[in-house]
Amino acid sequence: MAELDFPVSYLYSKDHEWVHTTEDNAVYRVGITDFAQSQLGDVVYVDLPAVGDAITMGESCGEVESTKSVSDLIAPLSGTITHVNDALEGRPETVNSSPYEDGWMYLVEASDPEQVTGLMDEEQYHKLVQSEEA
């Protein structure tokens, strides 16, 4: 557990997605956490939403396929997809090697930026992970 990374400036969902603000405070970068990628194993395919898609907080908006399983990407915020990380199409393993940097999934313009207040900070998320590992 000690080797997992939980960046302090990020917010986290109970579904193991992270959210990080961009220069435009209404647009958020989203990906899966270090814990999520470690549980999935080697990521071999990522199915992301398309630019322009509307996503709804708490609902599936894509999939991550690994050598172990297929897992839904659950939207941590509602909004419209403004950009996707096309690099993951050819290099899905980037999700494993760099989940918070190069392995990000998409950018979403939040329809209700107040939804971020329902996300966890690093300390709260760390406790969630500890409880799931127990």
C-alpha atoms as a PDB file:
ATOM      1  CA  MET A   1       0.000   0.000   0.000  1.00  0.00           C
ATOM      2  CA  ALA A   2       2.830   2.415   0.821  1.00  0.00           C
ATOM      3  CA  GLU A   3       3.993   2.412  -2.800  1.00  0.00           C
ATOM      4  CA  LEU A   4       0.675   3.760  -4.138  1.00  0.00           C
ATOM      5  CA  ASP A   5       0.529   7.419  -5.107  1.00  0.00           C
ATOM      6  CA  PHE A   6      -2.230   9.824  -3.999  1.00  0.00           C
ATOM      7  CA  PRO A   7      -1.437  13.363  -5.247  1.00  0.00           C
ATOM      8  CA  VAL A   8      -2.554  15.945  -2.696  1.00  0.00           C
ATOM      9  CA  SER A   9      -3.882  18.488  -5.216  1.00  0.00           C
ATOM     10  CA  TYR A  10      -6.261  15.975  -6.824  1.00  0.00           C
ATOM     11  CA  LEU A  11      -9.815  15.000  -5.860  1.00  0.00           C
ATOM     12  CA  TYR A  12     -11.077  11.414  -5.897  1.00  0.00           C
ATOM     13  CA  SER A  13     -14.324   9.510  -6.426  1.00  0.00           C
ATOM     14  CA  LYS A  14     -15.458   6.386  -4.589  1.00  0.00           C
ATOM     15  CA  ASP A  15     -15.180   4.642  -7.975  1.00  0.00           C
ATOM     16  CA  HIS A  16     -11.410   5.278  -8.053  1.00  0.00           C
ATOM     17  CA  GLU A  17     -11.311   8.080 -10.596  1.00  0.00           C
ATOM     18  CA  TRP A  18      -9.303  11.215  -9.978  1.00  0.00           C
ATOM     19  CA  VAL A  19     -10.261  14.773 -10.931  1.00  0.00           C
ATOM     20  CA  HIS A  20      -7.847  17.657 -11.328  1.00  0.00           C
ATOM     21  CA  THR A  21      -8.647  21.230 -12.274  1.00  0.00           C
ATOM     22  CA  THR A  22      -7.163  22.764 -15.418  1.00  0.00           C
ATOM     23  CA  GLU A  23      -6.335  26.398 -16.137  1.00  0.00           C
ATOM     24  CA  ASP A  24     -10.044  26.820 -16.990  1.00  0.00           C
ATOM     25  CA  ASN A  25     -11.670  26.186 -13.612  1.00  0.00           C
ATOM     26  CA  ALA A  26     -14.827  24.729 -15.216  1.00  0.00           C
ATOM     27  CA  VAL A  27     -12.828  22.058 -17.114  1.00  0.00           C
ATOM     28  CA  TYR A  28     -11.435  19.056 -15.271  1.00  0.00           C
ATOM     29  CA  ARG A  29      -8.929  16.383 -16.259  1.00  0.00           C
ATOM     30  CA  VAL A  30     -10.055  12.862 -15.295  1.00  0.00           C
ATOM     31  CA  GLY A  31      -8.301   9.507 -15.019  1.00  0.00           C
ATOM     32  CA  ILE A  32      -8.165   6.388 -12.892  1.00  0.00           C
ATOM     33  CA  THR A  33      -6.175   6.257  -9.682  1.00  0.00           C
ATOM     34  CA  ASP A  34      -2.953   4.434  -8.980  1.00  0.00           C
ATOM     35  CA  PHE A  35      -4.962   2.066  -6.771  1.00  0.00           C
ATOM     36  CA  ALA A  36      -7.413   1.347  -9.622  1.00  0.00           C
ATOM     37  CA  GLN A  37      -4.684   0.596 -12.148  1.00  0.00           C
ATOM     38  CA  SER A  38      -2.870  -1.632  -9.643  1.00  0.00           C
ATOM     39  CA  GLN A  39      -6.076  -3.614  -9.045  1.00  0.00           C
ATOM     40  CA  LEU A  40      -6.771  -3.939 -12.782  1.00  0.00           C
ATOM     41  CA  GLY A  41      -3.329  -5.194 -13.744  1.00  0.00           C
ATOM     42  CA  ASP A  42      -1.875  -4.571 -17.193  1.00  0.00           C
ATOM     43  CA  VAL A  43      -4.207  -2.279 -19.158  1.00  0.00           C
ATOM     44  CA  VAL A  44      -4.558  -3.461 -22.765  1.00  0.00           C
ATOM     45  CA  TYR A  45      -7.427  -1.304 -24.082  1.00  0.00           C
ATOM     46  CA  VAL A  46      -9.235   1.903 -23.133  1.00  0.00           C
ATOM     47  CA  ASP A  47     -12.671   2.845 -24.527  1.00  0.00           C
ATOM     48  CA  LEU A  48     -13.162   6.562 -23.909  1.00  0.00           C
ATOM     49  CA  PRO A  49     -16.181   8.800 -24.475  1.00  0.00           C
ATOM     50  CA  ALA A  50     -16.122  10.945 -27.626  1.00  0.00           C
ATOM     51  CA  VAL A  51     -15.526  14.688 -27.713  1.00  0.00           C
ATOM     52  CA  GLY A  52     -18.924  16.352 -27.397  1.00  0.00           C
ATOM     53  CA  ASP A  53     -20.490  13.479 -25.441  1.00  0.00           C
ATOM     54  CA  ALA A  54     -22.548  14.418 -22.404  1.00  0.00           C
ATOM     55  CA  ILE A  55     -21.653  12.350 -19.345  1.00  0.00           C
ATOM     56  CA  THR A  56     -23.571  12.001 -16.094  1.00  0.00           C
ATOM     57  CA  MET A  57     -21.993  11.742 -12.662  1.00  0.00           C
ATOM     58  CA  GLY A  58     -22.196   8.181 -11.345  1.00  0.00           C
ATOM     59  CA  GLU A  59     -22.862   6.602 -14.748  1.00  0.00           C
ATOM     60  CA  SER A  60     -20.558   4.629 -17.036  1.00  0.00           C
ATOM     61  CA  CYS A  61     -18.846   6.700 -19.723  1.00  0.00           C
ATOM     62  CA  GLY A  62     -16.253   4.218 -20.983  1.00  0.00           C
ATOM     63  CA  GLU A  63     -14.273   1.085 -20.167  1.00  0.00           C
ATOM     64  CA  VAL A  64     -10.787   0.031 -19.200  1.00  0.00           C
ATOM     65  CA  GLU A  65      -9.800  -3.488 -20.233  1.00  0.00           C
ATOM     66  CA  SER A  66      -6.903  -5.265 -18.576  1.00  0.00           C
ATOM     67  CA  THR A  67      -5.437  -8.739 -18.635  1.00  0.00           C
ATOM     68  CA  LYS A  68      -7.612  -9.467 -15.569  1.00  0.00           C
ATOM     69  CA  SER A  69     -10.976  -7.836 -16.325  1.00  0.00           C
ATOM     70  CA  VAL A  70     -13.036  -5.110 -17.970  1.00  0.00           C
ATOM     71  CA  SER A  71     -13.994  -2.223 -15.710  1.00  0.00           C
ATOM     72  CA  ASP A  72     -16.409   0.652 -16.340  1.00  0.00           C
ATOM     73  CA  LEU A  73     -15.186   4.230 -16.190  1.00  0.00           C
ATOM     74  CA  ILE A  74     -17.697   5.939 -13.903  1.00  0.00           C
ATOM     75  CA  ALA A  75     -18.076   9.671 -14.487  1.00  0.00           C
ATOM     76  CA  PRO A  76     -17.059  11.599 -11.349  1.00  0.00           C
ATOM     77  CA  LEU A  77     -18.786  14.749 -12.673  1.00  0.00           C
ATOM     78  CA  SER A  78     -21.572  15.581 -15.123  1.00  0.00           C
ATOM     79  CA  GLY A  79     -20.683  17.608 -18.175  1.00  0.00           C
ATOM     80  CA  THR A  80     -19.484  17.604 -21.769  1.00  0.00           C
ATOM     81  CA  ILE A  81     -16.301  15.923 -22.989  1.00  0.00           C
ATOM     82  CA  THR A  82     -13.984  18.559 -24.473  1.00  0.00           C
ATOM     83  CA  HIS A  83     -10.902  16.427 -25.161  1.00  0.00           C
ATOM     84  CA  VAL A  84      -9.809  12.794 -24.925  1.00  0.00           C
ATOM     85  CA  ASN A  85      -6.326  11.369 -24.523  1.00  0.00           C
ATOM     86  CA  ASP A  86      -5.908   9.837 -27.987  1.00  0.00           C
ATOM     87  CA  ALA A  87      -2.417   8.629 -27.058  1.00  0.00           C
ATOM     88  CA  LEU A  88      -4.018   5.859 -24.995  1.00  0.00           C
ATOM     89  CA  GLU A  89      -5.369   4.242 -28.162  1.00  0.00           C
ATOM     90  CA  GLY A  90      -1.883   3.148 -29.193  1.00  0.00           C
ATOM     91  CA  ARG A  91      -0.371   2.976 -25.708  1.00  0.00           C
ATOM     92  CA  PRO A  92      -3.009   1.895 -23.168  1.00  0.00           C
ATOM     93  CA  GLU A  93      -0.270   0.679 -20.820  1.00  0.00           C
ATOM     94  CA  THR A  94       0.440   4.361 -20.090  1.00  0.00           C
ATOM     95  CA  VAL A  95      -2.490   4.130 -17.641  1.00  0.00           C
ATOM     96  CA  ASN A  96      -0.334   1.748 -15.569  1.00  0.00           C
ATOM     97  CA  SER A  97       2.958   3.599 -15.827  1.00  0.00           C
ATOM     98  CA  SER A  98       1.636   7.155 -15.404  1.00  0.00           C
ATOM     99  CA  PRO A  99      -1.959   7.188 -14.094  1.00  0.00           C
ATOM    100  CA  TYR A 100      -1.862  10.843 -12.953  1.00  0.00           C
ATOM    101  CA  GLU A 101       0.175  12.347 -15.769  1.00  0.00           C
ATOM    102  CA  ASP A 102       0.367  10.836 -19.270  1.00  0.00           C
ATOM    103  CA  GLY A 103      -2.339   8.241 -18.527  1.00  0.00           C
ATOM    104  CA  TRP A 104      -5.186  10.744 -18.032  1.00  0.00           C
ATOM    105  CA  MET A 105      -8.430   9.796 -19.818  1.00  0.00           C
ATOM    106  CA  TYR A 106     -10.430  12.893 -20.791  1.00  0.00           C
ATOM    107  CA  LEU A 107     -11.290  16.528 -20.081  1.00  0.00           C
ATOM    108  CA  VAL A 108     -14.836  17.382 -19.056  1.00  0.00           C
ATOM    109  CA  GLU A 109     -16.484  20.791 -18.872  1.00  0.00           C
ATOM    110  CA  ALA A 110     -18.571  20.429 -15.738  1.00  0.00           C
ATOM    111  CA  SER A 111     -22.250  21.291 -16.088  1.00  0.00           C
ATOM    112  CA  ASP A 112     -22.395  21.735 -12.301  1.00  0.00           C
ATOM    113  CA  PRO A 113     -18.958  22.621 -10.883  1.00  0.00           C
ATOM    114  CA  GLU A 114     -20.420  22.305  -7.369  1.00  0.00           C
ATOM    115  CA  GLN A 115     -20.307  18.514  -7.851  1.00  0.00           C
ATOM    116  CA  VAL A 116     -16.593  18.602  -7.029  1.00  0.00           C
ATOM    117  CA  THR A 117     -17.494  19.349  -3.418  1.00  0.00           C
ATOM    118  CA  GLY A 118     -18.784  15.768  -3.161  1.00  0.00           C
ATOM    119  CA  LEU A 119     -15.410  14.296  -4.110  1.00  0.00           C
ATOM    120  CA  MET A 120     -12.769  13.171  -1.625  1.00  0.00           C
ATOM    121  CA  ASP A 121      -9.441  14.790  -0.885  1.00  0.00           C
ATOM    122  CA  GLU A 122      -6.237  12.742  -0.744  1.00  0.00           C
ATOM    123  CA  GLU A 123      -6.622  11.875   2.943  1.00  0.00           C
ATOM    124  CA  GLN A 124     -10.235  10.716   2.604  1.00  0.00           C
ATOM    125  CA  TYR A 125      -9.412   8.666  -0.486  1.00  0.00           C
ATOM    126  CA  HIS A 126      -6.441   7.061   1.235  1.00  0.00           C
ATOM    127  CA  LYS A 127      -8.785   5.926   4.039  1.00  0.00           C
ATOM    128  CA  LEU A 128     -11.219   4.488   1.467  1.00  0.00           C
ATOM    129  CA  VAL A 129      -8.434   2.482  -0.159  1.00  0.00           C
ATOM    130  CA  GLN A 130      -7.267   1.203   3.237  1.00  0.00           C
ATOM    131  CA  SER A 131     -10.813   0.075   4.086  1.00  0.00           C
ATOM    132  CA  GLU A 132     -11.164  -1.732   0.748  1.00  0.00           C
ATOM    133  CA  GLU A 133      -7.866  -3.534   1.230  1.00  0.00           C
ATOM    134  CA  ALA A 134      -8.770  -4.658   4.776  1.00  0.00           C
END
